[in-house]
Amino acid sequence: MSFYFKIKLNGGNMRKIYLDRTAFSGAIGVNLEDTEIISAGTSIFSMGVHDRNEEYQRYANDYAIQFIFDDDIPHLEFFTVPHVDIMAKDSKGGFIGTVYQQCDSENDAPICYINRDLECFIISENAGDFLINIGTWQDNMKPYDKLTVYRSKAEAETELEFINLSDILPLS
């Protein structure tokens, strides 16, 4: 389902408002005058159980990376700004995902790693590069200061202004 909103607010200064993507899938367009909208939150990209194969098992055995399937979806206890789409977890309690975009081997979204201490690192320029160099992904970790990891959305709301789409979405 896709939504598009255009809202005009008074004032002339550019401000930032955050949009929680965790509750919505698909396209959402929000246009606020003089406002930058930043997607926030953390979602899970899980694959169907029928997609599980020997290659994914090899990633788990050889590299301690478990891609996420519908029958084993982890519970995330953090909230990111900007949005991160989690596609895998590692044996140390960390998570791997795409920044800004949904997981897709064709897109150019950077791949990040969030460790169990909620520190964020860039590990690859995109999913294709990550899969090609999966054996050395831990050697490529660079601290990433363009992403903030909060313990919860409530913690993020103490510092950031969020748009509440439930106030303007049509009732189901």
N, C-alpha and C. Protein backbone atom coordinates (compact mmCIF):
# COMPACT_ATOMS: atom_id res chain seq x y z
N MET A 1 0.84 -1.17 0.00
CA MET A 1 0.00 0.00 0.00
C MET A 1 0.88 1.23 0.00
N SER A 2 0.56 2.22 -0.80
CA SER A 2 1.33 3.45 -0.90
C SER A 2 0.50 4.63 -0.43
N PHE A 3 1.17 5.60 0.17
CA PHE A 3 0.52 6.81 0.64
C PHE A 3 1.34 8.01 0.21
N TYR A 4 0.68 9.13 -0.06
CA TYR A 4 1.38 10.37 -0.34
C TYR A 4 0.62 11.49 0.36
N PHE A 5 1.34 12.31 1.11
CA PHE A 5 0.72 13.41 1.83
C PHE A 5 1.46 14.69 1.50
N LYS A 6 0.73 15.79 1.41
CA LYS A 6 1.35 17.10 1.28
C LYS A 6 0.72 17.99 2.34
N ILE A 7 1.56 18.48 3.21
CA ILE A 7 1.08 19.29 4.33
C ILE A 7 1.86 20.60 4.31
N LYS A 8 1.16 21.71 4.45
CA LYS A 8 1.83 23.00 4.48
C LYS A 8 1.84 23.50 5.92
N LEU A 9 3.02 23.79 6.41
CA LEU A 9 3.18 24.32 7.76
C LEU A 9 3.64 25.76 7.67
N ASN A 10 3.27 26.56 8.64
CA ASN A 10 3.72 27.95 8.66
C ASN A 10 5.17 28.02 9.09
N GLY A 11 5.84 29.05 8.69
CA GLY A 11 7.25 29.22 9.03
C GLY A 11 8.09 29.14 7.77
N GLY A 12 9.33 29.60 7.83
CA GLY A 12 10.15 29.61 6.65
C GLY A 12 11.46 28.87 6.80
N ASN A 13 11.80 28.40 7.98
CA ASN A 13 13.07 27.74 8.18
C ASN A 13 12.96 26.25 7.87
N MET A 14 14.01 25.72 7.23
CA MET A 14 14.05 24.29 6.95
C MET A 14 14.22 23.55 8.27
N ARG A 15 13.37 22.59 8.51
CA ARG A 15 13.49 21.80 9.73
C ARG A 15 13.48 20.33 9.36
N LYS A 16 13.86 19.50 10.30
CA LYS A 16 13.89 18.06 10.09
C LYS A 16 12.78 17.42 10.90
N ILE A 17 12.04 16.54 10.22
CA ILE A 17 11.01 15.74 10.89
C ILE A 17 11.29 14.29 10.51
N TYR A 18 11.09 13.41 11.45
CA TYR A 18 11.42 12.01 11.26
C TYR A 18 10.15 11.19 11.07
N LEU A 19 10.23 10.23 10.18
CA LEU A 19 9.10 9.35 9.85
C LEU A 19 9.47 7.94 10.25
N ASP A 20 8.73 7.37 11.19
CA ASP A 20 8.98 6.01 11.66
C ASP A 20 8.52 5.01 10.61
N ARG A 21 9.45 4.31 9.98
CA ARG A 21 9.14 3.35 8.91
C ARG A 21 8.82 1.96 9.45
N THR A 22 8.95 1.73 10.74
CA THR A 22 8.77 0.37 11.27
C THR A 22 7.34 -0.12 11.12
N ALA A 23 6.38 0.76 11.10
CA ALA A 23 4.98 0.34 11.05
C ALA A 23 4.42 0.27 9.63
N PHE A 24 5.20 0.70 8.65
CA PHE A 24 4.69 0.78 7.28
C PHE A 24 5.61 0.06 6.31
N SER A 25 5.02 -0.69 5.41
CA SER A 25 5.81 -1.25 4.31
C SER A 25 5.32 -0.60 3.03
N GLY A 26 6.12 -0.66 2.01
CA GLY A 26 5.73 -0.03 0.75
C GLY A 26 6.12 1.42 0.73
N ALA A 27 5.64 2.11 -0.28
CA ALA A 27 6.03 3.50 -0.49
C ALA A 27 5.18 4.45 0.35
N ILE A 28 5.83 5.43 0.92
CA ILE A 28 5.15 6.49 1.65
C ILE A 28 5.79 7.79 1.19
N GLY A 29 4.99 8.71 0.72
CA GLY A 29 5.51 10.02 0.34
C GLY A 29 4.89 11.07 1.23
N VAL A 30 5.72 11.88 1.84
CA VAL A 30 5.25 12.98 2.68
C VAL A 30 6.01 14.22 2.23
N ASN A 31 5.27 15.27 1.94
CA ASN A 31 5.89 16.51 1.49
C ASN A 31 5.44 17.62 2.44
N LEU A 32 6.35 18.10 3.25
CA LEU A 32 6.08 19.21 4.14
C LEU A 32 6.90 20.40 3.67
N GLU A 33 6.24 21.52 3.50
CA GLU A 33 6.94 22.72 3.02
C GLU A 33 8.04 23.11 4.00
N ASP A 34 9.21 23.43 3.47
CA ASP A 34 10.37 23.86 4.26
C ASP A 34 10.80 22.82 5.29
N THR A 35 10.61 21.55 4.96
CA THR A 35 10.91 20.49 5.91
C THR A 35 11.60 19.33 5.21
N GLU A 36 12.64 18.83 5.84
CA GLU A 36 13.30 17.61 5.37
C GLU A 36 12.72 16.43 6.14
N ILE A 37 12.21 15.45 5.41
CA ILE A 37 11.65 14.24 6.03
C ILE A 37 12.74 13.17 6.02
N ILE A 38 13.02 12.59 7.17
CA ILE A 38 14.05 11.55 7.28
C ILE A 38 13.39 10.27 7.77
N SER A 39 13.52 9.20 6.98
CA SER A 39 13.00 7.89 7.39
C SER A 39 13.81 7.38 8.56
N ALA A 40 13.11 6.85 9.54
CA ALA A 40 13.77 6.36 10.75
C ALA A 40 13.18 5.01 11.13
N GLY A 41 13.84 4.34 12.06
CA GLY A 41 13.35 3.07 12.55
C GLY A 41 14.14 1.90 12.00
N THR A 42 13.76 0.75 12.46
CA THR A 42 14.46 -0.47 12.08
C THR A 42 13.43 -1.51 11.69
N SER A 43 13.60 -2.10 10.52
CA SER A 43 12.69 -3.14 10.06
C SER A 43 13.49 -4.39 9.74
N ILE A 44 12.77 -5.48 9.56
CA ILE A 44 13.40 -6.77 9.25
C ILE A 44 13.07 -7.14 7.81
N PHE A 45 14.08 -7.50 7.06
CA PHE A 45 13.89 -8.08 5.73
C PHE A 45 14.07 -9.59 5.90
N SER A 46 12.96 -10.30 5.89
CA SER A 46 13.04 -11.76 6.02
C SER A 46 12.67 -12.41 4.70
N MET A 47 13.29 -13.54 4.47
CA MET A 47 13.01 -14.30 3.26
C MET A 47 12.10 -15.47 3.61
N GLY A 48 11.38 -15.95 2.62
CA GLY A 48 10.53 -17.11 2.82
C GLY A 48 11.37 -18.34 3.12
N VAL A 49 10.82 -19.23 3.91
CA VAL A 49 11.52 -20.46 4.28
C VAL A 49 11.92 -21.24 3.03
N HIS A 50 11.10 -21.18 1.98
CA HIS A 50 11.40 -21.89 0.74
C HIS A 50 12.65 -21.36 0.04
N ASP A 51 13.13 -20.16 0.43
CA ASP A 51 14.34 -19.60 -0.16
C ASP A 51 15.62 -20.11 0.52
N ARG A 52 15.47 -20.75 1.67
CA ARG A 52 16.64 -21.25 2.39
C ARG A 52 17.31 -22.34 1.55
N ASN A 53 18.64 -22.23 1.40
CA ASN A 53 19.36 -23.22 0.60
C ASN A 53 20.76 -23.44 1.16
N GLU A 54 21.56 -24.23 0.47
CA GLU A 54 22.91 -24.57 0.93
C GLU A 54 23.81 -23.34 1.02
N GLU A 55 23.61 -22.38 0.14
CA GLU A 55 24.45 -21.17 0.16
C GLU A 55 24.25 -20.39 1.47
N TYR A 56 23.00 -20.23 1.89
CA TYR A 56 22.74 -19.53 3.15
C TYR A 56 23.28 -20.32 4.34
N GLN A 57 23.21 -21.63 4.27
CA GLN A 57 23.77 -22.47 5.33
C GLN A 57 25.30 -22.33 5.36
N ARG A 58 25.91 -22.20 4.20
CA ARG A 58 27.36 -21.99 4.13
C ARG A 58 27.74 -20.66 4.78
N TYR A 59 26.95 -19.61 4.54
CA TYR A 59 27.22 -18.32 5.19
C TYR A 59 27.18 -18.47 6.71
N ALA A 60 26.21 -19.24 7.20
CA ALA A 60 26.10 -19.45 8.64
C ALA A 60 27.29 -20.25 9.17
N ASN A 61 27.64 -21.32 8.48
CA ASN A 61 28.73 -22.20 8.94
C ASN A 61 30.11 -21.54 8.81
N ASP A 62 30.38 -20.93 7.67
CA ASP A 62 31.72 -20.41 7.38
C ASP A 62 31.97 -19.01 7.92
N TYR A 63 30.93 -18.17 7.97
CA TYR A 63 31.13 -16.77 8.31
C TYR A 63 30.31 -16.30 9.51
N ALA A 64 29.59 -17.21 10.15
CA ALA A 64 28.78 -16.89 11.34
C ALA A 64 27.71 -15.83 11.05
N ILE A 65 27.22 -15.80 9.80
CA ILE A 65 26.16 -14.87 9.42
C ILE A 65 24.91 -15.68 9.11
N GLN A 66 23.84 -15.37 9.82
CA GLN A 66 22.57 -16.06 9.58
C GLN A 66 21.60 -15.07 8.96
N PHE A 67 21.30 -15.29 7.69
CA PHE A 67 20.29 -14.47 7.05
C PHE A 67 18.94 -14.80 7.68
N ILE A 68 18.03 -13.85 7.65
CA ILE A 68 16.77 -13.98 8.38
C ILE A 68 15.69 -14.56 7.48
N PHE A 69 15.03 -15.60 8.00
CA PHE A 69 13.93 -16.26 7.30
C PHE A 69 12.67 -16.13 8.15
N ASP A 70 11.53 -16.31 7.49
CA ASP A 70 10.23 -16.10 8.13
C ASP A 70 10.00 -16.94 9.38
N ASP A 71 10.69 -18.07 9.51
CA ASP A 71 10.46 -18.93 10.66
C ASP A 71 11.40 -18.63 11.83
N ASP A 72 12.23 -17.59 11.71
CA ASP A 72 13.17 -17.26 12.78
C ASP A 72 13.47 -15.76 12.76
N ILE A 73 12.43 -14.96 13.00
CA ILE A 73 12.58 -13.50 12.97
C ILE A 73 12.98 -13.00 14.35
N PRO A 74 14.12 -12.32 14.44
CA PRO A 74 14.57 -11.83 15.75
C PRO A 74 13.77 -10.62 16.22
N HIS A 75 13.76 -10.42 17.51
CA HIS A 75 13.15 -9.23 18.11
C HIS A 75 14.24 -8.17 18.24
N LEU A 76 14.01 -7.02 17.67
CA LEU A 76 15.00 -5.94 17.71
C LEU A 76 14.71 -5.02 18.88
N GLU A 77 15.75 -4.71 19.63
CA GLU A 77 15.58 -3.84 20.79
C GLU A 77 16.38 -2.55 20.60
N PHE A 78 16.22 -1.97 19.42
CA PHE A 78 16.85 -0.68 19.13
C PHE A 78 16.07 0.00 18.01
N PHE A 79 16.36 1.29 17.83
CA PHE A 79 15.68 2.12 16.84
C PHE A 79 16.75 2.98 16.18
N THR A 80 16.77 3.02 14.86
CA THR A 80 17.84 3.72 14.16
C THR A 80 17.35 4.97 13.43
N VAL A 81 18.24 5.93 13.31
CA VAL A 81 18.02 7.12 12.50
C VAL A 81 19.30 7.34 11.71
N PRO A 82 19.23 7.23 10.38
CA PRO A 82 18.08 6.93 9.54
C PRO A 82 17.66 5.46 9.61
N HIS A 83 16.68 5.13 8.79
CA HIS A 83 16.10 3.79 8.74
C HIS A 83 17.14 2.74 8.33
N VAL A 84 17.08 1.57 8.98
CA VAL A 84 17.90 0.42 8.62
C VAL A 84 16.99 -0.78 8.43
N ASP A 85 17.20 -1.52 7.35
CA ASP A 85 16.46 -2.74 7.05
C ASP A 85 17.39 -3.92 7.32
N ILE A 86 17.13 -4.64 8.40
CA ILE A 86 17.99 -5.73 8.85
C ILE A 86 17.75 -6.98 8.01
N MET A 87 18.85 -7.59 7.52
CA MET A 87 18.73 -8.80 6.70
C MET A 87 19.41 -10.01 7.31
N ALA A 88 20.30 -9.79 8.30
CA ALA A 88 21.05 -10.92 8.86
C ALA A 88 21.49 -10.58 10.28
N LYS A 89 21.86 -11.62 11.00
CA LYS A 89 22.44 -11.47 12.33
C LYS A 89 23.72 -12.28 12.37
N ASP A 90 24.58 -11.96 13.33
CA ASP A 90 25.82 -12.73 13.44
C ASP A 90 25.87 -13.47 14.77
N SER A 91 26.90 -14.27 14.95
CA SER A 91 27.00 -15.11 16.14
C SER A 91 27.35 -14.32 17.40
N LYS A 92 27.70 -13.04 17.25
CA LYS A 92 28.07 -12.21 18.40
C LYS A 92 26.91 -11.33 18.89
N GLY A 93 25.73 -11.52 18.32
CA GLY A 93 24.58 -10.73 18.74
C GLY A 93 24.39 -9.43 17.98
N GLY A 94 25.10 -9.27 16.88
CA GLY A 94 24.97 -8.07 16.06
C GLY A 94 24.05 -8.30 14.87
N PHE A 95 23.74 -7.20 14.18
CA PHE A 95 22.82 -7.26 13.04
C PHE A 95 23.43 -6.56 11.83
N ILE A 96 23.09 -7.05 10.64
CA ILE A 96 23.57 -6.51 9.37
C ILE A 96 22.37 -6.05 8.57
N GLY A 97 22.46 -4.84 8.00
CA GLY A 97 21.33 -4.33 7.23
C GLY A 97 21.72 -3.21 6.29
N THR A 98 20.75 -2.79 5.50
CA THR A 98 20.96 -1.69 4.56
C THR A 98 20.50 -0.38 5.20
N VAL A 99 21.24 0.68 4.91
CA VAL A 99 20.92 2.00 5.43
C VAL A 99 20.12 2.75 4.37
N TYR A 100 19.03 3.39 4.78
CA TYR A 100 18.17 4.25 3.95
C TYR A 100 17.19 3.50 3.05
N GLN A 101 17.49 2.29 2.64
CA GLN A 101 16.66 1.59 1.66
C GLN A 101 16.35 0.17 2.13
N GLN A 102 15.32 -0.42 1.51
CA GLN A 102 15.03 -1.82 1.78
C GLN A 102 16.15 -2.68 1.22
N CYS A 103 16.36 -3.83 1.86
CA CYS A 103 17.38 -4.77 1.39
C CYS A 103 17.05 -5.23 -0.02
N ASP A 104 18.07 -5.21 -0.84
CA ASP A 104 17.94 -5.64 -2.23
C ASP A 104 19.35 -5.78 -2.78
N SER A 105 19.65 -6.93 -3.36
CA SER A 105 21.01 -7.14 -3.88
C SER A 105 21.33 -6.22 -5.05
N GLU A 106 20.32 -5.57 -5.61
CA GLU A 106 20.52 -4.70 -6.77
C GLU A 106 20.73 -3.23 -6.40
N ASN A 107 20.36 -2.83 -5.18
CA ASN A 107 20.46 -1.39 -4.87
C ASN A 107 21.86 -1.01 -4.39
N ASP A 108 22.07 0.27 -4.26
CA ASP A 108 23.39 0.76 -3.89
C ASP A 108 23.44 1.27 -2.45
N ALA A 109 22.52 0.82 -1.62
CA ALA A 109 22.50 1.26 -0.23
C ALA A 109 23.70 0.68 0.52
N PRO A 110 24.33 1.48 1.37
CA PRO A 110 25.45 0.95 2.16
C PRO A 110 24.96 -0.11 3.14
N ILE A 111 25.86 -1.03 3.48
CA ILE A 111 25.56 -2.10 4.42
C ILE A 111 26.23 -1.76 5.75
N CYS A 112 25.44 -1.82 6.82
CA CYS A 112 25.98 -1.51 8.14
C CYS A 112 25.92 -2.73 9.05
N TYR A 113 26.71 -2.66 10.10
CA TYR A 113 26.70 -3.67 11.15
C TYR A 113 26.46 -2.94 12.46
N ILE A 114 25.48 -3.39 13.22
CA ILE A 114 25.18 -2.84 14.54
C ILE A 114 25.51 -3.92 15.55
N ASN A 115 26.51 -3.67 16.39
CA ASN A 115 26.90 -4.70 17.35
C ASN A 115 25.99 -4.70 18.57
N ARG A 116 26.19 -5.65 19.46
CA ARG A 116 25.28 -5.77 20.62
C ARG A 116 25.41 -4.60 21.59
N ASP A 117 26.48 -3.80 21.46
CA ASP A 117 26.62 -2.59 22.26
C ASP A 117 26.02 -1.37 21.56
N LEU A 118 25.31 -1.62 20.45
CA LEU A 118 24.63 -0.61 19.64
C LEU A 118 25.58 0.39 18.99
N GLU A 119 26.78 -0.08 18.69
CA GLU A 119 27.72 0.71 17.90
C GLU A 119 27.51 0.35 16.44
N CYS A 120 27.63 1.34 15.57
CA CYS A 120 27.36 1.12 14.14
C CYS A 120 28.63 1.26 13.31
N PHE A 121 28.75 0.36 12.34
CA PHE A 121 29.89 0.35 11.43
C PHE A 121 29.39 0.15 10.00
N ILE A 122 30.06 0.76 9.05
CA ILE A 122 29.82 0.45 7.64
C ILE A 122 30.72 -0.72 7.31
N ILE A 123 30.16 -1.75 6.64
CA ILE A 123 30.97 -2.91 6.29
C ILE A 123 31.07 -3.12 4.79
N SER A 124 30.24 -2.42 4.02
CA SER A 124 30.30 -2.56 2.57
C SER A 124 29.55 -1.42 1.90
N GLU A 125 29.92 -1.15 0.66
CA GLU A 125 29.26 -0.08 -0.09
C GLU A 125 27.84 -0.45 -0.52
N ASN A 126 27.59 -1.75 -0.72
CA ASN A 126 26.27 -2.20 -1.14
C ASN A 126 26.16 -3.72 -0.94
N ALA A 127 24.97 -4.26 -1.14
CA ALA A 127 24.73 -5.69 -0.89
C ALA A 127 25.54 -6.58 -1.82
N GLY A 128 25.65 -6.21 -3.08
CA GLY A 128 26.43 -7.02 -4.02
C GLY A 128 27.88 -7.14 -3.59
N ASP A 129 28.48 -6.01 -3.21
CA ASP A 129 29.86 -6.00 -2.74
C ASP A 129 29.99 -6.81 -1.45
N PHE A 130 29.02 -6.69 -0.57
CA PHE A 130 29.03 -7.44 0.69
C PHE A 130 29.07 -8.94 0.42
N LEU A 131 28.21 -9.42 -0.48
CA LEU A 131 28.16 -10.85 -0.76
C LEU A 131 29.44 -11.34 -1.44
N ILE A 132 30.03 -10.52 -2.29
CA ILE A 132 31.29 -10.91 -2.95
C ILE A 132 32.42 -11.03 -1.93
N ASN A 133 32.43 -10.13 -0.94
CA ASN A 133 33.51 -10.08 0.05
C ASN A 133 33.07 -10.57 1.43
N ILE A 134 32.10 -11.46 1.48
CA ILE A 134 31.52 -11.87 2.76
C ILE A 134 32.55 -12.51 3.70
N GLY A 135 33.57 -13.13 3.14
CA GLY A 135 34.58 -13.78 3.96
C GLY A 135 35.43 -12.81 4.76
N THR A 136 35.48 -11.57 4.33
CA THR A 136 36.33 -10.58 5.01
C THR A 136 35.52 -9.40 5.56
N TRP A 137 34.21 -9.58 5.72
CA TRP A 137 33.37 -8.44 6.12
C TRP A 137 33.82 -7.82 7.43
N GLN A 138 34.30 -8.62 8.38
CA GLN A 138 34.70 -8.07 9.68
C GLN A 138 35.97 -7.22 9.56
N ASP A 139 36.78 -7.49 8.54
CA ASP A 139 38.00 -6.70 8.33
C ASP A 139 37.69 -5.33 7.73
N ASN A 140 36.50 -5.18 7.19
CA ASN A 140 36.13 -3.94 6.49
C ASN A 140 35.30 -2.99 7.35
N MET A 141 35.17 -3.26 8.64
CA MET A 141 34.32 -2.43 9.50
C MET A 141 34.95 -1.06 9.74
N LYS A 142 34.16 -0.02 9.45
CA LYS A 142 34.59 1.35 9.70
C LYS A 142 33.50 2.03 10.52
N PRO A 143 33.86 2.72 11.61
CA PRO A 143 32.83 3.43 12.39
C PRO A 143 32.00 4.33 11.48
N TYR A 144 30.70 4.37 11.76
CA TYR A 144 29.77 5.10 10.90
C TYR A 144 29.02 6.12 11.74
N ASP A 145 29.34 7.38 11.57
CA ASP A 145 28.72 8.42 12.39
C ASP A 145 27.49 9.06 11.74
N LYS A 146 27.06 8.55 10.59
CA LYS A 146 25.86 9.08 9.94
C LYS A 146 24.61 8.34 10.36
N LEU A 147 24.74 7.43 11.31
CA LEU A 147 23.60 6.67 11.80
C LEU A 147 23.64 6.69 13.32
N THR A 148 22.50 6.95 13.94
CA THR A 148 22.39 6.93 15.39
C THR A 148 21.51 5.76 15.79
N VAL A 149 21.98 5.00 16.77
CA VAL A 149 21.22 3.86 17.27
C VAL A 149 20.73 4.21 18.66
N TYR A 150 19.40 4.21 18.82
CA TYR A 150 18.76 4.47 20.10
C TYR A 150 18.29 3.15 20.70
N ARG A 151 18.11 3.10 21.99
CA ARG A 151 17.60 1.89 22.64
C ARG A 151 16.12 1.66 22.34
N SER A 152 15.41 2.74 21.96
CA SER A 152 13.98 2.63 21.66
C SER A 152 13.54 3.86 20.87
N LYS A 153 12.34 3.78 20.30
CA LYS A 153 11.79 4.96 19.64
C LYS A 153 11.52 6.05 20.67
N ALA A 154 11.08 5.64 21.86
CA ALA A 154 10.81 6.63 22.91
C ALA A 154 12.06 7.45 23.23
N GLU A 155 13.22 6.81 23.24
CA GLU A 155 14.46 7.54 23.47
C GLU A 155 14.73 8.51 22.32
N ALA A 156 14.50 8.07 21.09
CA ALA A 156 14.69 8.95 19.92
C ALA A 156 13.75 10.15 19.99
N GLU A 157 12.52 9.93 20.45
CA GLU A 157 11.53 11.01 20.52
C GLU A 157 11.91 12.09 21.53
N THR A 158 12.80 11.79 22.47
CA THR A 158 13.24 12.83 23.40
C THR A 158 14.17 13.83 22.73
N GLU A 159 14.76 13.43 21.59
CA GLU A 159 15.71 14.30 20.89
C GLU A 159 15.21 14.78 19.53
N LEU A 160 14.25 14.07 18.93
CA LEU A 160 13.85 14.32 17.55
C LEU A 160 12.35 14.53 17.45
N GLU A 161 11.93 15.26 16.41
CA GLU A 161 10.51 15.49 16.16
C GLU A 161 10.02 14.49 15.11
N PHE A 162 8.98 13.75 15.46
CA PHE A 162 8.42 12.75 14.56
C PHE A 162 7.07 13.20 14.03
N ILE A 163 6.77 12.83 12.79
CA ILE A 163 5.44 13.05 12.24
C ILE A 163 4.60 11.83 12.62
N ASN A 164 3.38 12.07 13.07
CA ASN A 164 2.50 10.98 13.47
C ASN A 164 1.52 10.71 12.33
N LEU A 165 1.83 9.70 11.52
CA LEU A 165 0.98 9.39 10.37
C LEU A 165 -0.38 8.84 10.78
N SER A 166 -0.49 8.28 11.97
CA SER A 166 -1.78 7.74 12.38
C SER A 166 -2.83 8.84 12.52
N ASP A 167 -2.39 10.08 12.68
CA ASP A 167 -3.33 11.20 12.75
C ASP A 167 -3.93 11.56 11.39
N ILE A 168 -3.23 11.19 10.30
CA ILE A 168 -3.70 11.60 8.98
C ILE A 168 -4.00 10.44 8.03
N LEU A 169 -3.66 9.21 8.43
CA LEU A 169 -3.95 8.05 7.58
C LEU A 169 -5.43 7.73 7.63
N PRO A 170 -5.99 7.23 6.53
CA PRO A 170 -7.39 6.79 6.56
C PRO A 170 -7.52 5.56 7.45
N LEU A 171 -8.63 5.47 8.15
CA LEU A 171 -8.88 4.32 9.01
C LEU A 171 -9.16 3.10 8.16
N SER A 172 -8.66 1.95 8.58
CA SER A 172 -8.88 0.71 7.83
C SER A 172 -10.24 0.14 8.15
